[in-house]
Amino acid sequence: MAYVFLALSSACSLTIAHLLKVTESQNLRTLNTLTVNYIVAAIFAFFVGFEGDFVSTFVNHSSILLFFCVVVGAFFIGNFVTYSKSVHTNGVGITIAAMRLSLLIPVLISIYWYAEYLSGLKIVGIIGVFGAMLLLIPKKNDIKIGSISASWLLILTFVLSGFADASLKIYEEEFSTNLNELTFMGLVFSGAFAIGLIINLFRKAPLITKKEAILGAIIGIPNLYSSIFLIYALGDISGSIAYPTVNVLNVLGGTFLGLLIWNDKVSTKQWIGIATAVIAITLLI
């Protein structure tokens, strides 16, 4: 059953990538769409994960938890905005590969902060990450989203996604005994929603259009369940199996999603980069 959950988690992640590509292709405002997505995901997470002692737990740890969740929420929404732009510019498969390679960041934090063991294979995996990123970065410096080139979008996706994943490691080590996963994710999504809403309120354009609201609500559920299904899988199998499996599924699934549905163009160098990414991801766990 664990592998079914991993497949479902990957399917949710690929659904998000596809819907963000739709958002960009229809010229909808990504931040507005994501703001709706996060409030829907937060409400659903609180509803499913509510525990009787939640209020007292939150009060006892309010200042630490609130600050941490807002910071994590900022990484989440910043990551998804950049991810959406990169999916549109660089293609689905290449962007997902860069996003999954960001596993390097929580691995390094685990080694430095929590004194986890660095094996020879992990060292090879770390080297592989840098090699894969160099191969994946396109020669599209003339293509820009605002003032940011397509190449920098991949690097930003890598960094922001890495710190978002690292925050989950910190939650697991520092706060998991105080809050269950769904309640924590609800707080994080609430923080991301608050940040998105504040930014949108300072804009002169209409707050949220009907299309943005509908698409954001649709994204919210797979966004939440991509994490929930992974948590379910981790209840049956070890992280050393679950994480590389779901990441490899995401990279391969994203590549074929981009090719078959969105007609993404992947160069020979980038194909080698995708293959290198799959190997590096596997070695890092």
Protein backbone atom coordinates (compact mmCIF):
# COMPACT_ATOMS: atom_id res chain seq x y z
CA MET A 1 0.00 0.00 0.00
CA ALA A 2 2.93 2.35 0.67
CA TYR A 3 3.87 2.39 -3.00
CA VAL A 4 0.29 3.28 -3.91
CA PHE A 5 0.55 6.28 -1.58
CA LEU A 6 3.87 7.27 -3.20
CA ALA A 7 2.27 7.09 -6.64
CA LEU A 8 -0.67 9.20 -5.41
CA SER A 9 1.72 11.75 -3.87
CA SER A 10 3.60 12.01 -7.15
CA ALA A 11 0.32 12.31 -9.09
CA CYS A 12 -0.70 15.23 -6.85
CA SER A 13 2.65 16.96 -7.41
CA LEU A 14 2.36 16.53 -11.18
CA THR A 15 -1.22 17.83 -11.07
CA ILE A 16 0.03 20.97 -9.33
CA ALA A 17 2.72 21.45 -11.99
CA HIS A 18 0.15 21.03 -14.76
CA LEU A 19 -2.31 23.49 -13.17
CA LEU A 20 0.43 26.08 -12.60
CA LYS A 21 1.32 25.74 -16.27
CA VAL A 22 -2.36 26.35 -17.07
CA THR A 23 -2.26 29.44 -14.83
CA GLU A 24 0.66 30.89 -16.77
CA SER A 25 -0.64 29.91 -20.22
CA GLN A 26 -3.96 31.68 -19.52
CA ASN A 27 -2.13 34.79 -18.26
CA LEU A 28 -3.68 34.51 -14.81
CA ARG A 29 -1.84 36.06 -11.87
CA THR A 30 0.12 33.31 -10.17
CA LEU A 31 0.31 34.95 -6.74
CA ASN A 32 -3.46 35.47 -6.63
CA THR A 33 -4.12 31.87 -7.64
CA LEU A 34 -1.69 30.57 -5.04
CA THR A 35 -3.20 32.78 -2.34
CA VAL A 36 -6.59 31.10 -2.85
CA ASN A 37 -4.87 27.70 -3.02
CA TYR A 38 -3.30 28.19 0.41
CA ILE A 39 -6.47 29.24 2.23
CA VAL A 40 -8.35 26.25 0.78
CA ALA A 41 -5.51 23.89 1.74
CA ALA A 42 -5.28 25.44 5.23
CA ILE A 43 -9.00 25.09 5.95
CA PHE A 44 -8.97 21.49 4.74
CA ALA A 45 -5.84 20.66 6.77
CA PHE A 46 -7.34 22.09 9.97
CA PHE A 47 -10.60 20.27 9.36
CA VAL A 48 -8.95 16.87 8.80
CA GLY A 49 -6.11 17.23 11.33
CA PHE A 50 -7.88 18.98 14.20
CA GLU A 51 -7.02 17.62 17.63
CA GLY A 52 -8.70 18.43 20.94
CA ASP A 53 -5.53 19.80 22.52
CA PHE A 54 -4.63 22.02 19.58
CA VAL A 55 -5.61 25.31 21.25
CA SER A 56 -3.61 24.71 24.43
CA THR A 57 -0.65 23.43 22.42
CA PHE A 58 -0.67 26.50 20.19
CA VAL A 59 -0.95 28.90 23.14
CA ASN A 60 1.98 27.25 24.91
CA HIS A 61 4.21 27.53 21.85
CA SER A 62 2.54 30.43 20.06
CA SER A 63 5.47 32.81 19.58
CA ILE A 64 7.91 30.17 18.34
CA LEU A 65 5.41 28.27 16.22
CA LEU A 66 3.82 31.37 14.70
CA PHE A 67 7.16 32.85 13.68
CA PHE A 68 8.41 29.53 12.31
CA CYS A 69 5.21 28.84 10.36
CA VAL A 70 5.17 32.34 8.82
CA VAL A 71 8.79 31.93 7.70
CA VAL A 72 8.03 28.50 6.24
CA GLY A 73 4.89 29.91 4.60
CA ALA A 74 7.03 32.61 2.96
CA PHE A 75 9.33 29.94 1.53
CA PHE A 76 6.32 27.94 0.31
CA ILE A 77 4.57 30.75 -1.54
CA GLY A 78 7.82 32.24 -2.86
CA ASN A 79 8.87 28.82 -4.10
CA PHE A 80 5.59 28.16 -5.88
CA VAL A 81 5.55 31.57 -7.59
CA THR A 82 9.07 30.97 -8.92
CA TYR A 83 8.23 27.35 -9.74
CA SER A 84 5.18 28.42 -11.74
CA LYS A 85 7.18 30.94 -13.77
CA SER A 86 9.92 28.37 -14.41
CA VAL A 87 7.42 25.69 -15.49
CA HIS A 88 6.09 28.17 -18.05
CA THR A 89 9.52 29.25 -19.28
CA ASN A 90 11.80 26.21 -18.87
CA GLY A 91 9.25 23.41 -19.16
CA VAL A 92 7.67 21.01 -16.69
CA GLY A 93 10.26 18.21 -16.65
CA ILE A 94 13.33 20.41 -16.31
CA THR A 95 11.77 22.54 -13.56
CA ILE A 96 10.64 19.51 -11.56
CA ALA A 97 14.13 18.01 -11.89
CA ALA A 98 15.66 21.23 -10.48
CA MET A 99 13.06 21.29 -7.71
CA ARG A 100 13.74 17.67 -6.71
CA LEU A 101 17.50 18.25 -6.75
CA SER A 102 16.91 20.77 -3.97
CA LEU A 103 16.86 17.73 -1.69
CA LEU A 104 20.56 18.56 -1.36
CA ILE A 105 19.77 21.50 0.95
CA PRO A 106 17.89 19.56 3.68
CA VAL A 107 20.52 16.81 3.42
CA LEU A 108 23.32 19.33 4.09
CA ILE A 109 21.35 20.93 6.93
CA SER A 110 20.75 17.49 8.45
CA ILE A 111 24.47 16.77 8.30
CA TYR A 112 25.57 20.15 9.71
CA TRP A 113 22.76 20.85 12.20
CA TYR A 114 21.69 17.39 13.30
CA ALA A 115 25.05 15.63 12.87
CA GLU A 116 23.76 13.01 10.46
CA TYR A 117 26.31 10.75 8.80
CA LEU A 118 27.71 11.71 5.38
CA SER A 119 28.44 8.52 3.45
CA GLY A 120 30.57 8.17 0.35
CA LEU A 121 27.47 7.69 -1.80
CA LYS A 122 26.00 10.95 -0.48
CA ILE A 123 29.19 12.76 -1.43
CA VAL A 124 28.84 11.38 -4.96
CA GLY A 125 25.18 12.45 -4.91
CA ILE A 126 26.12 16.01 -3.88
CA ILE A 127 28.60 16.22 -6.75
CA GLY A 128 25.91 14.82 -9.03
CA VAL A 129 23.47 17.58 -8.01
CA PHE A 130 25.86 20.31 -9.13
CA GLY A 131 26.56 18.46 -12.36
CA ALA A 132 22.85 17.98 -13.06
CA MET A 133 22.09 21.67 -12.40
CA LEU A 134 24.80 22.75 -14.84
CA LEU A 135 23.34 20.43 -17.47
CA LEU A 136 19.73 21.50 -16.85
CA ILE A 137 20.27 25.27 -16.95
CA PRO A 138 19.15 26.37 -20.42
CA LYS A 139 20.80 28.87 -22.71
CA LYS A 140 17.80 31.17 -22.47
CA ASN A 141 19.27 34.29 -20.96
CA ASP A 142 17.36 36.32 -23.56
CA ILE A 143 14.05 34.94 -22.22
CA LYS A 144 12.95 36.74 -19.10
CA ILE A 145 10.03 36.89 -16.68
CA GLY A 146 10.16 40.53 -15.65
CA SER A 147 13.84 41.12 -14.94
CA ILE A 148 14.67 37.47 -14.12
CA SER A 149 16.14 35.19 -16.80
CA ALA A 150 14.95 31.63 -17.39
CA SER A 151 18.22 30.27 -16.03
CA TRP A 152 17.89 32.16 -12.74
CA LEU A 153 14.33 30.89 -12.33
CA LEU A 154 15.71 27.34 -12.13
CA ILE A 155 18.31 28.36 -9.55
CA LEU A 156 15.71 30.22 -7.45
CA THR A 157 13.39 27.21 -7.62
CA PHE A 158 16.24 25.00 -6.43
CA VAL A 159 17.11 27.27 -3.48
CA LEU A 160 13.58 28.14 -2.31
CA SER A 161 12.35 24.55 -2.63
CA GLY A 162 15.39 23.33 -0.72
CA PHE A 163 14.74 25.62 2.23
CA ALA A 164 11.03 24.75 2.17
CA ASP A 165 11.93 21.05 2.39
CA ALA A 166 14.53 21.78 5.09
CA SER A 167 11.84 23.47 7.19
CA LEU A 168 9.92 20.18 7.21
CA LYS A 169 13.02 18.45 8.58
CA ILE A 170 13.20 21.10 11.33
CA TYR A 171 9.51 20.53 12.11
CA GLU A 172 10.13 16.78 12.36
CA GLU A 173 13.02 17.29 14.78
CA GLU A 174 11.73 20.22 16.87
CA PHE A 175 7.93 20.43 16.75
CA SER A 176 6.45 17.07 15.70
CA THR A 177 5.72 16.08 19.31
CA ASN A 178 3.69 19.28 19.77
CA LEU A 179 1.64 19.39 16.57
CA ASN A 180 0.56 16.70 14.14
CA GLU A 181 1.52 17.02 10.49
CA LEU A 182 -1.84 18.29 9.22
CA THR A 183 -2.14 20.98 11.89
CA PHE A 184 1.42 22.12 11.17
CA MET A 185 0.73 22.24 7.43
CA GLY A 186 -2.48 24.17 8.16
CA LEU A 187 -0.47 26.80 10.05
CA VAL A 188 2.14 26.99 7.29
CA PHE A 189 -0.52 27.34 4.59
CA SER A 190 -2.23 30.03 6.70
CA GLY A 191 1.06 31.93 6.86
CA ALA A 192 1.50 31.63 3.09
CA PHE A 193 -2.09 32.83 2.56
CA ALA A 194 -1.55 35.85 4.84
CA ILE A 195 1.61 36.84 2.96
CA GLY A 196 -0.08 36.47 -0.43
CA LEU A 197 -3.13 38.42 0.71
CA ILE A 198 -1.06 41.31 2.12
CA ILE A 199 0.94 41.62 -1.12
CA ASN A 200 -2.25 41.53 -3.20
CA LEU A 201 -3.92 44.21 -1.06
CA PHE A 202 -1.14 46.66 -1.94
CA ARG A 203 -1.68 46.11 -5.66
CA LYS A 204 -3.97 48.36 -7.67
CA ALA A 205 -5.36 45.52 -9.78
CA PRO A 206 -8.53 43.60 -8.80
CA LEU A 207 -7.87 41.38 -5.79
CA ILE A 208 -8.86 37.99 -7.26
CA THR A 209 -10.73 37.13 -10.46
CA LYS A 210 -13.24 34.31 -10.73
CA LYS A 211 -10.87 32.16 -12.83
CA GLU A 212 -8.02 32.66 -10.35
CA ALA A 213 -10.29 31.72 -7.45
CA ILE A 214 -11.53 28.55 -9.16
CA LEU A 215 -8.09 27.39 -10.26
CA GLY A 216 -6.58 28.23 -6.86
CA ALA A 217 -9.26 26.19 -5.08
CA ILE A 218 -8.57 23.25 -7.40
CA ILE A 219 -4.81 23.43 -6.73
CA GLY A 220 -5.34 23.55 -2.95
CA ILE A 221 -6.40 19.92 -2.52
CA PRO A 222 -3.56 18.21 -4.44
CA ASN A 223 -1.15 20.66 -2.79
CA LEU A 224 -2.20 19.38 0.64
CA TYR A 225 -2.49 15.72 -0.30
CA SER A 226 0.89 15.52 -2.00
CA SER A 227 2.29 15.82 1.54
CA ILE A 228 -0.40 13.71 3.24
CA PHE A 229 0.08 10.72 0.93
CA LEU A 230 3.85 10.91 1.46
CA ILE A 231 3.30 10.92 5.24
CA TYR A 232 1.05 7.85 4.89
CA ALA A 233 3.75 6.06 2.88
CA LEU A 234 6.37 6.90 5.50
CA GLY A 235 4.21 5.10 8.03
CA ASP A 236 4.84 1.83 6.17
CA ILE A 237 8.30 2.15 4.64
CA SER A 238 11.48 4.02 5.53
CA GLY A 239 12.36 7.45 4.26
CA SER A 240 15.41 6.00 2.52
CA ILE A 241 13.02 4.23 0.17
CA ALA A 242 10.09 6.68 0.08
CA TYR A 243 11.91 9.94 -0.69
CA PRO A 244 14.03 8.80 -3.65
CA THR A 245 11.08 6.84 -5.07
CA VAL A 246 8.65 9.78 -5.04
CA ASN A 247 11.32 12.23 -6.26
CA VAL A 248 12.31 9.99 -9.17
CA LEU A 249 8.61 9.50 -10.03
CA ASN A 250 8.19 13.28 -10.04
CA VAL A 251 11.18 13.89 -12.29
CA LEU A 252 10.25 11.19 -14.80
CA GLY A 253 6.52 11.96 -14.66
CA GLY A 254 7.16 15.69 -15.05
CA THR A 255 9.41 15.09 -18.05
CA PHE A 256 6.80 13.03 -19.88
CA LEU A 257 3.98 15.39 -18.82
CA GLY A 258 5.86 18.29 -20.39
CA LEU A 259 6.66 16.37 -23.57
CA LEU A 260 3.25 14.78 -24.15
CA ILE A 261 0.89 17.57 -23.06
CA TRP A 262 2.83 20.82 -23.27
CA ASN A 263 5.27 19.99 -26.09
CA ASP A 264 8.28 21.04 -24.02
CA LYS A 265 11.62 21.05 -25.82
CA VAL A 266 14.40 19.15 -24.05
CA SER A 267 17.95 19.32 -25.42
CA THR A 268 20.35 16.37 -25.39
CA LYS A 269 22.34 18.09 -22.64
CA GLN A 270 19.20 18.48 -20.55
CA TRP A 271 18.23 14.81 -21.07
CA ILE A 272 21.63 13.92 -19.61
CA GLY A 273 20.91 16.38 -16.80
CA ILE A 274 17.57 14.71 -16.03
CA ALA A 275 19.23 11.28 -15.93
CA THR A 276 21.99 12.68 -13.69
CA ALA A 277 19.32 14.23 -11.45
CA VAL A 278 17.57 10.87 -11.00
CA ILE A 279 20.86 9.21 -10.01
CA ALA A 280 21.87 12.08 -7.67
CA ILE A 281 18.47 12.09 -5.93
CA THR A 282 18.73 8.36 -5.29
CA LEU A 283 22.24 8.68 -3.86
CA LEU A 284 21.32 11.56 -1.53
CA ILE A 285 18.93 9.52 0.63
